[in-house]
Amino acid sequence: MRSSIVTQNLFIMKVKVLIYAVIIVLFVCCKKADAVYAEDRAVDCKVSEPSYASVDTTAVEAVDTAVVAAASLSTSSGEDKMDLVEPTKEESIESKIIKSGELRYQTDDLQKTYNQIQAAVKKYKAIIKNDSESNGDYELSRNITIRIPNENFDAFIKEISKGVSYFDRKNISSQDVTEEYIDVASRIKTKKVLEERYFELLKKANKVSEMLEIERQLSEIREEIEAKEGRLKYLQNKVAMSTLDIEFYKPVAQGSKATVSYGGRIGNAIVSGFNGISNFFISLLGIWPVIVTLVVLFVLIRKRFKRKNKKDATEN
């Protein structure tokens, strides 16, 4: 009896030890599994950062922030990979001034004034953009639009102003676009750094959804870069070449445009009348079916009235 009890107690102890051993083994296995899972996840995050499959806005904002910081660091260190001229410091940029002007004045000889302007255009390497003439009742005038290198703008105006007693209109304006120029150039540089960062992420992406999202971001960034580059080129062109509108005129006597003699005017009136009659008959030929129809109807109606008149006369 006693031996059976001892045997039973030993069996219970063995079972407990076995249970404890199983629990310890399971605990150890779970720890190892968690460690392996954590390591795999860390590796996956390093390979494909950030995951665009779920469009993690926090990750995208973090990337943008990091890229902006990198751009600022690149700017402060003097790195410049752009083809366009971009400043690294605001102090190193010269003022960007857009100059334009408008002149109107009287002259005694239109051709002589035009020759004077032509000589100034060649001397200061300017370009005539538009050239038009007009003949009014009170004046003969000529309008010219000229593009002039910015550094020659003032000298050009001084050159063509020789011999002008006064200007009916003279407007010279200057627009400082230095701040906008620096801002646009800096935005282009930042966007290009961001574009390079996305290209790096595209190389590391191993999912189709990630690639599509990154390519969409790259397309938007490229559009913004092209728009900013277009604006920068426009500013550069406006700063490099100033615009000047010139109008010079010569007064004429009232009615001097009517130089035809009285006899000539009579002859012109006769010719005009003859041409009018010719045009009238030509227009009639165009509606000959209507004319023929009207003539036939007139003849039929006239015959009917004649018969009626004869019948009334016979009865009486």
C-alpha atoms as a PDB file:
ATOM      1  CA  MET A   1       0.000   0.000   0.000  1.00  0.00           C
ATOM      2  CA  ARG A   2       2.763   2.389   0.967  1.00  0.00           C
ATOM      3  CA  SER A   3       4.791   1.493  -2.135  1.00  0.00           C
ATOM      4  CA  SER A   4       1.839   2.273  -4.382  1.00  0.00           C
ATOM      5  CA  ILE A   5       1.466   5.696  -2.799  1.00  0.00           C
ATOM      6  CA  VAL A   6       5.159   6.403  -3.320  1.00  0.00           C
ATOM      7  CA  THR A   7       4.895   5.263  -6.921  1.00  0.00           C
ATOM      8  CA  GLN A   8       1.907   7.545  -7.472  1.00  0.00           C
ATOM      9  CA  ASN A   9       3.743  10.536  -6.003  1.00  0.00           C
ATOM     10  CA  LEU A  10       6.753   9.892  -8.228  1.00  0.00           C
ATOM     11  CA  PHE A  11       4.494   9.734 -11.284  1.00  0.00           C
ATOM     12  CA  ILE A  12       2.864  13.047 -10.338  1.00  0.00           C
ATOM     13  CA  MET A  13       6.271  14.673  -9.886  1.00  0.00           C
ATOM     14  CA  LYS A  14       7.450  13.411 -13.288  1.00  0.00           C
ATOM     15  CA  VAL A  15       4.319  14.816 -14.921  1.00  0.00           C
ATOM     16  CA  LYS A  16       4.875  18.199 -13.269  1.00  0.00           C
ATOM     17  CA  VAL A  17       8.512  18.265 -14.372  1.00  0.00           C
ATOM     18  CA  LEU A  18       7.481  17.383 -17.912  1.00  0.00           C
ATOM     19  CA  ILE A  19       4.871  20.154 -17.945  1.00  0.00           C
ATOM     20  CA  TYR A  20       7.398  22.685 -16.642  1.00  0.00           C
ATOM     21  CA  ALA A  21       9.900  21.575 -19.289  1.00  0.00           C
ATOM     22  CA  VAL A  22       7.318  21.987 -22.073  1.00  0.00           C
ATOM     23  CA  ILE A  23       6.395  25.462 -20.813  1.00  0.00           C
ATOM     24  CA  ILE A  24      10.069  26.493 -20.694  1.00  0.00           C
ATOM     25  CA  VAL A  25      10.654  25.171 -24.246  1.00  0.00           C
ATOM     26  CA  LEU A  26       7.579  27.016 -25.603  1.00  0.00           C
ATOM     27  CA  PHE A  27       8.661  30.231 -23.887  1.00  0.00           C
ATOM     28  CA  VAL A  28      12.141  30.006 -25.373  1.00  0.00           C
ATOM     29  CA  CYS A  29      10.722  29.283 -28.855  1.00  0.00           C
ATOM     30  CA  CYS A  30       8.380  32.273 -28.648  1.00  0.00           C
ATOM     31  CA  LYS A  31      11.246  34.551 -27.695  1.00  0.00           C
ATOM     32  CA  LYS A  32      13.305  33.339 -30.621  1.00  0.00           C
ATOM     33  CA  ALA A  33      10.351  33.758 -33.010  1.00  0.00           C
ATOM     34  CA  ASP A  34       9.778  37.323 -31.805  1.00  0.00           C
ATOM     35  CA  ALA A  35      13.446  38.136 -32.257  1.00  0.00           C
ATOM     36  CA  VAL A  36      13.484  36.706 -35.798  1.00  0.00           C
ATOM     37  CA  TYR A  37      10.280  38.586 -36.712  1.00  0.00           C
ATOM     38  CA  ALA A  38      11.674  41.852 -35.385  1.00  0.00           C
ATOM     39  CA  GLU A  39      14.917  41.351 -37.296  1.00  0.00           C
ATOM     40  CA  ASP A  40      13.051  40.562 -40.557  1.00  0.00           C
ATOM     41  CA  ARG A  41      10.869  43.604 -40.157  1.00  0.00           C
ATOM     42  CA  ALA A  42      13.853  45.842 -39.559  1.00  0.00           C
ATOM     43  CA  VAL A  43      15.545  44.500 -42.690  1.00  0.00           C
ATOM     44  CA  ASP A  44      12.373  44.979 -44.731  1.00  0.00           C
ATOM     45  CA  CYS A  45      12.080  48.581 -43.565  1.00  0.00           C
ATOM     46  CA  LYS A  46      15.687  49.236 -44.578  1.00  0.00           C
ATOM     47  CA  VAL A  47      15.157  47.781 -48.053  1.00  0.00           C
ATOM     48  CA  SER A  48      11.828  49.404 -48.947  1.00  0.00           C
ATOM     49  CA  GLU A  49      11.454  52.750 -47.250  1.00  0.00           C
ATOM     50  CA  PRO A  50       8.835  54.196 -47.145  1.00  0.00           C
ATOM     51  CA  SER A  51       5.938  51.792 -47.953  1.00  0.00           C
ATOM     52  CA  TYR A  52       3.708  53.503 -50.477  1.00  0.00           C
ATOM     53  CA  ALA A  53       1.335  50.555 -50.751  1.00  0.00           C
ATOM     54  CA  SER A  54      -0.725  51.991 -47.936  1.00  0.00           C
ATOM     55  CA  VAL A  55       0.318  55.594 -48.753  1.00  0.00           C
ATOM     56  CA  ASP A  56       1.780  56.361 -45.355  1.00  0.00           C
ATOM     57  CA  THR A  57       1.515  60.141 -45.260  1.00  0.00           C
ATOM     58  CA  THR A  58       3.667  60.329 -42.130  1.00  0.00           C
ATOM     59  CA  ALA A  59       6.512  58.562 -43.904  1.00  0.00           C
ATOM     60  CA  VAL A  60       6.168  60.788 -46.985  1.00  0.00           C
ATOM     61  CA  GLU A  61       6.207  63.921 -44.828  1.00  0.00           C
ATOM     62  CA  ALA A  62       9.263  62.602 -43.054  1.00  0.00           C
ATOM     63  CA  VAL A  63      11.013  62.045 -46.391  1.00  0.00           C
ATOM     64  CA  ASP A  64      10.066  65.543 -47.559  1.00  0.00           C
ATOM     65  CA  THR A  65      11.365  67.050 -44.325  1.00  0.00           C
ATOM     66  CA  ALA A  66      14.614  65.150 -44.623  1.00  0.00           C
ATOM     67  CA  VAL A  67      15.032  66.239 -48.246  1.00  0.00           C
ATOM     68  CA  VAL A  68      14.362  69.881 -47.433  1.00  0.00           C
ATOM     69  CA  ALA A  69      16.955  69.674 -44.679  1.00  0.00           C
ATOM     70  CA  ALA A  70      19.413  68.109 -47.118  1.00  0.00           C
ATOM     71  CA  ALA A  71      18.706  70.899 -49.599  1.00  0.00           C
ATOM     72  CA  SER A  72      19.376  73.530 -46.963  1.00  0.00           C
ATOM     73  CA  LEU A  73      22.618  71.782 -46.019  1.00  0.00           C
ATOM     74  CA  SER A  74      23.638  71.590 -49.688  1.00  0.00           C
ATOM     75  CA  THR A  75      22.908  75.288 -50.136  1.00  0.00           C
ATOM     76  CA  SER A  76      24.953  76.288 -47.106  1.00  0.00           C
ATOM     77  CA  SER A  77      27.896  74.116 -48.209  1.00  0.00           C
ATOM     78  CA  GLY A  78      27.943  75.737 -51.647  1.00  0.00           C
ATOM     79  CA  GLU A  79      27.020  72.641 -53.700  1.00  0.00           C
ATOM     80  CA  ASP A  80      25.285  73.585 -56.920  1.00  0.00           C
ATOM     81  CA  LYS A  81      24.330  71.026 -59.541  1.00  0.00           C
ATOM     82  CA  MET A  82      21.955  73.164 -61.615  1.00  0.00           C
ATOM     83  CA  ASP A  83      22.619  74.226 -65.163  1.00  0.00           C
ATOM     84  CA  LEU A  84      20.969  77.588 -64.506  1.00  0.00           C
ATOM     85  CA  VAL A  85      22.752  80.267 -62.492  1.00  0.00           C
ATOM     86  CA  GLU A  86      21.625  79.868 -58.891  1.00  0.00           C
ATOM     87  CA  PRO A  87      22.778  81.855 -55.887  1.00  0.00           C
ATOM     88  CA  THR A  88      24.077  80.177 -52.750  1.00  0.00           C
ATOM     89  CA  LYS A  89      23.816  83.379 -50.750  1.00  0.00           C
ATOM     90  CA  GLU A  90      21.444  86.261 -51.176  1.00  0.00           C
ATOM     91  CA  GLU A  91      24.317  88.724 -50.757  1.00  0.00           C
ATOM     92  CA  SER A  92      26.141  87.275 -53.808  1.00  0.00           C
ATOM     93  CA  ILE A  93      23.260  88.043 -56.182  1.00  0.00           C
ATOM     94  CA  GLU A  94      23.300  91.293 -58.120  1.00  0.00           C
ATOM     95  CA  SER A  95      20.049  93.208 -58.413  1.00  0.00           C
ATOM     96  CA  LYS A  96      17.669  91.900 -61.065  1.00  0.00           C
ATOM     97  CA  ILE A  97      15.952  94.913 -62.631  1.00  0.00           C
ATOM     98  CA  ILE A  98      13.419  94.808 -65.486  1.00  0.00           C
ATOM     99  CA  LYS A  99      13.497  98.120 -67.371  1.00  0.00           C
ATOM    100  CA  SER A 100      10.892  99.357 -69.843  1.00  0.00           C
ATOM    101  CA  GLY A 101      10.038 102.674 -71.472  1.00  0.00           C
ATOM    102  CA  GLU A 102       7.588 104.506 -73.713  1.00  0.00           C
ATOM    103  CA  LEU A 103       8.425 107.592 -75.812  1.00  0.00           C
ATOM    104  CA  ARG A 104       6.313 109.819 -78.067  1.00  0.00           C
ATOM    105  CA  TYR A 105       7.653 112.933 -79.752  1.00  0.00           C
ATOM    106  CA  GLN A 106       7.308 115.131 -82.842  1.00  0.00           C
ATOM    107  CA  THR A 107       9.770 115.256 -85.702  1.00  0.00           C
ATOM    108  CA  ASP A 108      10.129 117.223 -88.917  1.00  0.00           C
ATOM    109  CA  ASP A 109      11.509 114.323 -90.958  1.00  0.00           C
ATOM    110  CA  LEU A 110      10.223 110.797 -90.329  1.00  0.00           C
ATOM    111  CA  GLN A 111      12.894 109.085 -92.421  1.00  0.00           C
ATOM    112  CA  LYS A 112      15.726 110.985 -90.777  1.00  0.00           C
ATOM    113  CA  THR A 113      14.426 110.063 -87.316  1.00  0.00           C
ATOM    114  CA  TYR A 114      14.071 106.433 -88.322  1.00  0.00           C
ATOM    115  CA  ASN A 115      17.662 106.398 -89.638  1.00  0.00           C
ATOM    116  CA  GLN A 116      18.821 107.843 -86.319  1.00  0.00           C
ATOM    117  CA  ILE A 117      17.041 105.040 -84.427  1.00  0.00           C
ATOM    118  CA  GLN A 118      18.487 102.420 -86.801  1.00  0.00           C
ATOM    119  CA  ALA A 119      21.993 103.688 -86.130  1.00  0.00           C
ATOM    120  CA  ALA A 120      21.404 103.480 -82.373  1.00  0.00           C
ATOM    121  CA  VAL A 121      20.045  99.927 -82.745  1.00  0.00           C
ATOM    122  CA  LYS A 122      23.249  98.795 -84.454  1.00  0.00           C
ATOM    123  CA  LYS A 123      25.487 100.705 -82.052  1.00  0.00           C
ATOM    124  CA  TYR A 124      23.952  99.256 -78.889  1.00  0.00           C
ATOM    125  CA  LYS A 125      23.179  95.771 -80.256  1.00  0.00           C
ATOM    126  CA  ALA A 126      19.414  96.180 -79.924  1.00  0.00           C
ATOM    127  CA  ILE A 127      16.642  94.390 -81.845  1.00  0.00           C
ATOM    128  CA  ILE A 128      13.619  95.898 -83.601  1.00  0.00           C
ATOM    129  CA  LYS A 129      10.678  93.719 -82.601  1.00  0.00           C
ATOM    130  CA  ASN A 130       7.776  95.606 -84.252  1.00  0.00           C
ATOM    131  CA  ASP A 131       7.628  98.418 -86.818  1.00  0.00           C
ATOM    132  CA  SER A 132       4.392  99.984 -88.111  1.00  0.00           C
ATOM    133  CA  GLU A 133       3.333 103.204 -89.889  1.00  0.00           C
ATOM    134  CA  SER A 134       0.022 105.079 -89.948  1.00  0.00           C
ATOM    135  CA  ASN A 135      -1.354 107.927 -92.055  1.00  0.00           C
ATOM    136  CA  GLY A 136      -4.040 109.985 -90.309  1.00  0.00           C
ATOM    137  CA  ASP A 137      -5.911 113.160 -91.173  1.00  0.00           C
ATOM    138  CA  TYR A 138      -3.693 115.229 -88.889  1.00  0.00           C
ATOM    139  CA  GLU A 139      -0.362 113.384 -88.694  1.00  0.00           C
ATOM    140  CA  LEU A 140       1.945 110.783 -90.173  1.00  0.00           C
ATOM    141  CA  SER A 141       3.354 108.511 -87.483  1.00  0.00           C
ATOM    142  CA  ARG A 142       5.572 105.478 -86.980  1.00  0.00           C
ATOM    143  CA  ASN A 143       5.601 103.056 -84.030  1.00  0.00           C
ATOM    144  CA  ILE A 144       8.644 100.919 -83.217  1.00  0.00           C
ATOM    145  CA  THR A 145       9.151  98.391 -80.401  1.00  0.00           C
ATOM    146  CA  ILE A 146      12.810  97.724 -79.563  1.00  0.00           C
ATOM    147  CA  ARG A 147      14.527  95.177 -77.265  1.00  0.00           C
ATOM    148  CA  ILE A 148      17.748  96.615 -75.831  1.00  0.00           C
ATOM    149  CA  PRO A 149      20.432  94.971 -73.666  1.00  0.00           C
ATOM    150  CA  ASN A 150      19.793  96.065 -70.100  1.00  0.00           C
ATOM    151  CA  GLU A 151      23.207  97.692 -69.659  1.00  0.00           C
ATOM    152  CA  ASN A 152      22.684  99.823 -72.826  1.00  0.00           C
ATOM    153  CA  PHE A 153      19.125 100.972 -72.058  1.00  0.00           C
ATOM    154  CA  ASP A 154      19.934 104.442 -70.674  1.00  0.00           C
ATOM    155  CA  ALA A 155      22.614 105.132 -73.297  1.00  0.00           C
ATOM    156  CA  PHE A 156      20.191 104.141 -76.089  1.00  0.00           C
ATOM    157  CA  ILE A 157      17.516 106.580 -74.873  1.00  0.00           C
ATOM    158  CA  LYS A 158      20.097 109.337 -74.607  1.00  0.00           C
ATOM    159  CA  GLU A 159      21.283 108.608 -78.155  1.00  0.00           C
ATOM    160  CA  ILE A 160      17.853 108.791 -79.834  1.00  0.00           C
ATOM    161  CA  SER A 161      16.840 111.850 -77.771  1.00  0.00           C
ATOM    162  CA  LYS A 162      19.364 114.039 -79.577  1.00  0.00           C
ATOM    163  CA  GLY A 163      17.526 116.742 -81.541  1.00  0.00           C
ATOM    164  CA  VAL A 164      14.198 116.204 -79.706  1.00  0.00           C
ATOM    165  CA  SER A 165      12.996 119.486 -78.241  1.00  0.00           C
ATOM    166  CA  TYR A 166      10.383 117.890 -75.971  1.00  0.00           C
ATOM    167  CA  PHE A 167       8.535 114.601 -75.458  1.00  0.00           C
ATOM    168  CA  ASP A 168       4.753 114.419 -75.668  1.00  0.00           C
ATOM    169  CA  ARG A 169       5.031 111.282 -73.537  1.00  0.00           C
ATOM    170  CA  LYS A 170       8.012 109.775 -71.742  1.00  0.00           C
ATOM    171  CA  ASN A 171       7.538 106.907 -69.293  1.00  0.00           C
ATOM    172  CA  ILE A 172      10.544 105.000 -67.957  1.00  0.00           C
ATOM    173  CA  SER A 173       9.906 102.268 -65.368  1.00  0.00           C
ATOM    174  CA  SER A 174      12.072  99.810 -63.423  1.00  0.00           C
ATOM    175  CA  GLN A 175      10.851  96.680 -61.637  1.00  0.00           C
ATOM    176  CA  ASP A 176      13.067  94.966 -59.070  1.00  0.00           C
ATOM    177  CA  VAL A 177      12.548  91.182 -59.316  1.00  0.00           C
ATOM    178  CA  THR A 178      15.614  90.146 -57.280  1.00  0.00           C
ATOM    179  CA  GLU A 179      13.557  88.598 -54.488  1.00  0.00           C
ATOM    180  CA  GLU A 180      11.391  86.603 -56.886  1.00  0.00           C
ATOM    181  CA  TYR A 181      14.476  85.496 -58.831  1.00  0.00           C
ATOM    182  CA  ILE A 182      16.176  84.146 -55.700  1.00  0.00           C
ATOM    183  CA  ASP A 183      12.971  82.467 -54.510  1.00  0.00           C
ATOM    184  CA  VAL A 184      12.341  80.693 -57.826  1.00  0.00           C
ATOM    185  CA  ALA A 185      15.974  79.566 -58.115  1.00  0.00           C
ATOM    186  CA  SER A 186      15.945  78.188 -54.561  1.00  0.00           C
ATOM    187  CA  ARG A 187      12.683  76.325 -55.138  1.00  0.00           C
ATOM    188  CA  ILE A 188      14.111  74.722 -58.270  1.00  0.00           C
ATOM    189  CA  LYS A 189      17.161  73.555 -56.364  1.00  0.00           C
ATOM    190  CA  THR A 190      15.083  72.106 -53.515  1.00  0.00           C
ATOM    191  CA  LYS A 191      12.774  70.297 -55.923  1.00  0.00           C
ATOM    192  CA  LYS A 192      15.741  68.797 -57.773  1.00  0.00           C
ATOM    193  CA  VAL A 193      17.207  67.456 -54.529  1.00  0.00           C
ATOM    194  CA  LEU A 194      13.799  65.982 -53.691  1.00  0.00           C
ATOM    195  CA  GLU A 195      13.650  64.446 -57.165  1.00  0.00           C
ATOM    196  CA  GLU A 196      17.035  62.771 -56.665  1.00  0.00           C
ATOM    197  CA  ARG A 197      15.847  61.376 -53.316  1.00  0.00           C
ATOM    198  CA  TYR A 198      12.771  59.840 -54.940  1.00  0.00           C
ATOM    199  CA  PHE A 199      14.958  58.310 -57.652  1.00  0.00           C
ATOM    200  CA  GLU A 200      16.969  56.610 -54.906  1.00  0.00           C
ATOM    201  CA  LEU A 201      13.771  55.303 -53.314  1.00  0.00           C
ATOM    202  CA  LEU A 202      12.589  54.048 -56.705  1.00  0.00           C
ATOM    203  CA  LYS A 203      15.748  51.963 -57.051  1.00  0.00           C
ATOM    204  CA  LYS A 204      15.139  50.384 -53.643  1.00  0.00           C
ATOM    205  CA  ALA A 205      11.415  49.736 -54.147  1.00  0.00           C
ATOM    206  CA  ASN A 206      10.523  46.058 -54.592  1.00  0.00           C
ATOM    207  CA  LYS A 207       6.751  46.306 -54.866  1.00  0.00           C
ATOM    208  CA  VAL A 208       4.698  47.452 -57.844  1.00  0.00           C
ATOM    209  CA  SER A 209       2.479  49.628 -55.652  1.00  0.00           C
ATOM    210  CA  GLU A 210       5.536  51.400 -54.242  1.00  0.00           C
ATOM    211  CA  MET A 211       6.973  51.986 -57.726  1.00  0.00           C
ATOM    212  CA  LEU A 212       3.686  53.442 -59.022  1.00  0.00           C
ATOM    213  CA  GLU A 213       3.356  55.822 -56.072  1.00  0.00           C
ATOM    214  CA  ILE A 214       6.965  56.996 -56.342  1.00  0.00           C
ATOM    215  CA  GLU A 215       6.599  57.542 -60.108  1.00  0.00           C
ATOM    216  CA  ARG A 216       3.466  59.615 -59.486  1.00  0.00           C
ATOM    217  CA  GLN A 217       5.375  61.768 -57.016  1.00  0.00           C
ATOM    218  CA  LEU A 218       8.251  62.109 -59.475  1.00  0.00           C
ATOM    219  CA  SER A 219       5.856  63.232 -62.235  1.00  0.00           C
ATOM    220  CA  GLU A 220       4.412  65.979 -60.014  1.00  0.00           C
ATOM    221  CA  ILE A 221       7.869  67.133 -58.957  1.00  0.00           C
ATOM    222  CA  ARG A 222       9.087  67.231 -62.580  1.00  0.00           C
ATOM    223  CA  GLU A 223       6.075  69.375 -63.606  1.00  0.00           C
ATOM    224  CA  GLU A 224       6.807  71.815 -60.789  1.00  0.00           C
ATOM    225  CA  ILE A 225      10.485  71.980 -61.753  1.00  0.00           C
ATOM    226  CA  GLU A 226       9.677  72.702 -65.412  1.00  0.00           C
ATOM    227  CA  ALA A 227       7.183  75.419 -64.448  1.00  0.00           C
ATOM    228  CA  LYS A 228       9.702  77.094 -62.146  1.00  0.00           C
ATOM    229  CA  GLU A 229      12.466  76.835 -64.760  1.00  0.00           C
ATOM    230  CA  GLY A 230      10.170  78.469 -67.323  1.00  0.00           C
ATOM    231  CA  ARG A 231       9.464  81.342 -64.951  1.00  0.00           C
ATOM    232  CA  LEU A 232      13.185  81.725 -64.190  1.00  0.00           C
ATOM    233  CA  LYS A 233      14.057  81.862 -67.906  1.00  0.00           C
ATOM    234  CA  TYR A 234      11.318  84.479 -68.429  1.00  0.00           C
ATOM    235  CA  LEU A 235      12.784  86.644 -65.661  1.00  0.00           C
ATOM    236  CA  GLN A 236      16.291  86.196 -67.052  1.00  0.00           C
ATOM    237  CA  ASN A 237      15.120  87.267 -70.524  1.00  0.00           C
ATOM    238  CA  LYS A 238      13.260  90.309 -69.200  1.00  0.00           C
ATOM    239  CA  VAL A 239      16.237  91.366 -67.084  1.00  0.00           C
ATOM    240  CA  ALA A 240      18.748  90.841 -69.905  1.00  0.00           C
ATOM    241  CA  MET A 241      16.736  92.713 -72.591  1.00  0.00           C
ATOM    242  CA  SER A 242      14.761  95.878 -71.820  1.00  0.00           C
ATOM    243  CA  THR A 243      11.729  96.934 -73.892  1.00  0.00           C
ATOM    244  CA  LEU A 244      11.244 100.408 -75.377  1.00  0.00           C
ATOM    245  CA  ASP A 245       8.178 101.587 -77.359  1.00  0.00           C
ATOM    246  CA  ILE A 246       8.871 104.611 -79.583  1.00  0.00           C
ATOM    247  CA  GLU A 247       6.256 106.645 -81.445  1.00  0.00           C
ATOM    248  CA  PHE A 248       7.346 109.640 -83.529  1.00  0.00           C
ATOM    249  CA  TYR A 249       5.052 111.680 -85.785  1.00  0.00           C
ATOM    250  CA  LYS A 250       4.878 114.589 -88.203  1.00  0.00           C
ATOM    251  CA  PRO A 251       1.820 116.905 -88.276  1.00  0.00           C
ATOM    252  CA  VAL A 252       0.076 117.447 -91.642  1.00  0.00           C
ATOM    253  CA  ALA A 253      -2.540 119.966 -92.783  1.00  0.00           C
ATOM    254  CA  GLN A 254      -6.186 118.967 -92.343  1.00  0.00           C
ATOM    255  CA  GLY A 255      -7.599 117.278 -95.452  1.00  0.00           C
ATOM    256  CA  SER A 256      -4.210 116.947 -97.097  1.00  0.00           C
ATOM    257  CA  LYS A 257      -4.943 113.290 -97.776  1.00  0.00           C
ATOM    258  CA  ALA A 258      -7.453 114.377-100.526  1.00  0.00           C
ATOM    259  CA  THR A 259      -4.908 115.109-103.272  1.00  0.00           C
ATOM    260  CA  VAL A 260      -7.116 114.165-106.287  1.00  0.00           C
ATOM    261  CA  SER A 261      -8.144 117.107-108.543  1.00  0.00           C
ATOM    262  CA  TYR A 262     -11.765 118.155-109.215  1.00  0.00           C
ATOM    263  CA  GLY A 263     -11.702 116.842-112.786  1.00  0.00           C
ATOM    264  CA  GLY A 264     -10.251 113.583-111.589  1.00  0.00           C
ATOM    265  CA  ARG A 265     -13.053 113.256-109.065  1.00  0.00           C
ATOM    266  CA  ILE A 266     -15.666 113.754-111.868  1.00  0.00           C
ATOM    267  CA  GLY A 267     -14.020 111.069-113.947  1.00  0.00           C
ATOM    268  CA  ASN A 268     -13.959 108.735-110.971  1.00  0.00           C
ATOM    269  CA  ALA A 269     -17.683 109.372-110.399  1.00  0.00           C
ATOM    270  CA  ILE A 270     -18.517 108.497-114.050  1.00  0.00           C
ATOM    271  CA  VAL A 271     -16.490 105.310-113.885  1.00  0.00           C
ATOM    272  CA  SER A 272     -18.096 104.454-110.572  1.00  0.00           C
ATOM    273  CA  GLY A 273     -21.603 104.940-112.046  1.00  0.00           C
ATOM    274  CA  PHE A 274     -20.798 102.755-115.035  1.00  0.00           C
ATOM    275  CA  ASN A 275     -19.446 100.073-112.749  1.00  0.00           C
ATOM    276  CA  GLY A 276     -22.638 100.299-110.676  1.00  0.00           C
ATOM    277  CA  ILE A 277     -24.863  99.722-113.734  1.00  0.00           C
ATOM    278  CA  SER A 278     -22.710  96.801-114.849  1.00  0.00           C
ATOM    279  CA  ASN A 279     -22.932  95.235-111.439  1.00  0.00           C
ATOM    280  CA  PHE A 280     -26.725  95.694-111.484  1.00  0.00           C
ATOM    281  CA  PHE A 281     -27.141  93.803-114.770  1.00  0.00           C
ATOM    282  CA  ILE A 282     -24.751  91.115-113.620  1.00  0.00           C
ATOM    283  CA  SER A 283     -26.862  90.644-110.505  1.00  0.00           C
ATOM    284  CA  LEU A 284     -29.994  90.352-112.683  1.00  0.00           C
ATOM    285  CA  LEU A 285     -28.392  87.542-114.644  1.00  0.00           C
ATOM    286  CA  GLY A 286     -28.009  85.690-111.405  1.00  0.00           C
ATOM    287  CA  ILE A 287     -31.809  85.662-110.870  1.00  0.00           C
ATOM    288  CA  TRP A 288     -32.941  85.039-114.481  1.00  0.00           C
ATOM    289  CA  PRO A 289     -35.347  82.163-113.566  1.00  0.00           C
ATOM    290  CA  VAL A 290     -37.327  84.566-111.359  1.00  0.00           C
ATOM    291  CA  ILE A 291     -37.416  87.207-114.111  1.00  0.00           C
ATOM    292  CA  VAL A 292     -38.632  84.696-116.742  1.00  0.00           C
ATOM    293  CA  THR A 293     -41.363  83.457-114.403  1.00  0.00           C
ATOM    294  CA  LEU A 294     -42.580  86.998-113.746  1.00  0.00           C
ATOM    295  CA  VAL A 295     -42.637  87.831-117.467  1.00  0.00           C
ATOM    296  CA  VAL A 296     -44.692  84.697-118.274  1.00  0.00           C
ATOM    297  CA  LEU A 297     -47.183  85.486-115.518  1.00  0.00           C
ATOM    298  CA  PHE A 298     -47.484  89.079-116.764  1.00  0.00           C
ATOM    299  CA  VAL A 299     -48.224  87.923-120.332  1.00  0.00           C
ATOM    300  CA  LEU A 300     -50.859  85.390-119.221  1.00  0.00           C
ATOM    301  CA  ILE A 301     -52.618  87.879-116.963  1.00  0.00           C
ATOM    302  CA  ARG A 302     -52.601  90.497-119.741  1.00  0.00           C
ATOM    303  CA  LYS A 303     -54.162  88.069-122.314  1.00  0.00           C
ATOM    304  CA  ARG A 304     -56.844  87.129-119.831  1.00  0.00           C
ATOM    305  CA  PHE A 305     -57.807  90.754-119.304  1.00  0.00           C
ATOM    306  CA  LYS A 306     -57.906  91.352-123.075  1.00  0.00           C
ATOM    307  CA  ARG A 307     -60.315  88.425-123.598  1.00  0.00           C
ATOM    308  CA  LYS A 308     -62.524  89.658-120.811  1.00  0.00           C
ATOM    309  CA  ASN A 309     -62.614  93.154-122.293  1.00  0.00           C
ATOM    310  CA  LYS A 310     -63.564  91.771-125.748  1.00  0.00           C
ATOM    311  CA  LYS A 311     -66.358  89.659-124.299  1.00  0.00           C
ATOM    312  CA  ASP A 312     -67.799  92.640-122.409  1.00  0.00           C
ATOM    313  CA  ALA A 313     -67.644  94.770-125.545  1.00  0.00           C
ATOM    314  CA  THR A 314     -69.502  92.106-127.618  1.00  0.00           C
ATOM    315  CA  GLU A 315     -72.301  91.767-125.065  1.00  0.00           C
ATOM    316  CA  ASN A 316     -72.852  95.495-125.028  1.00  0.00           C
END
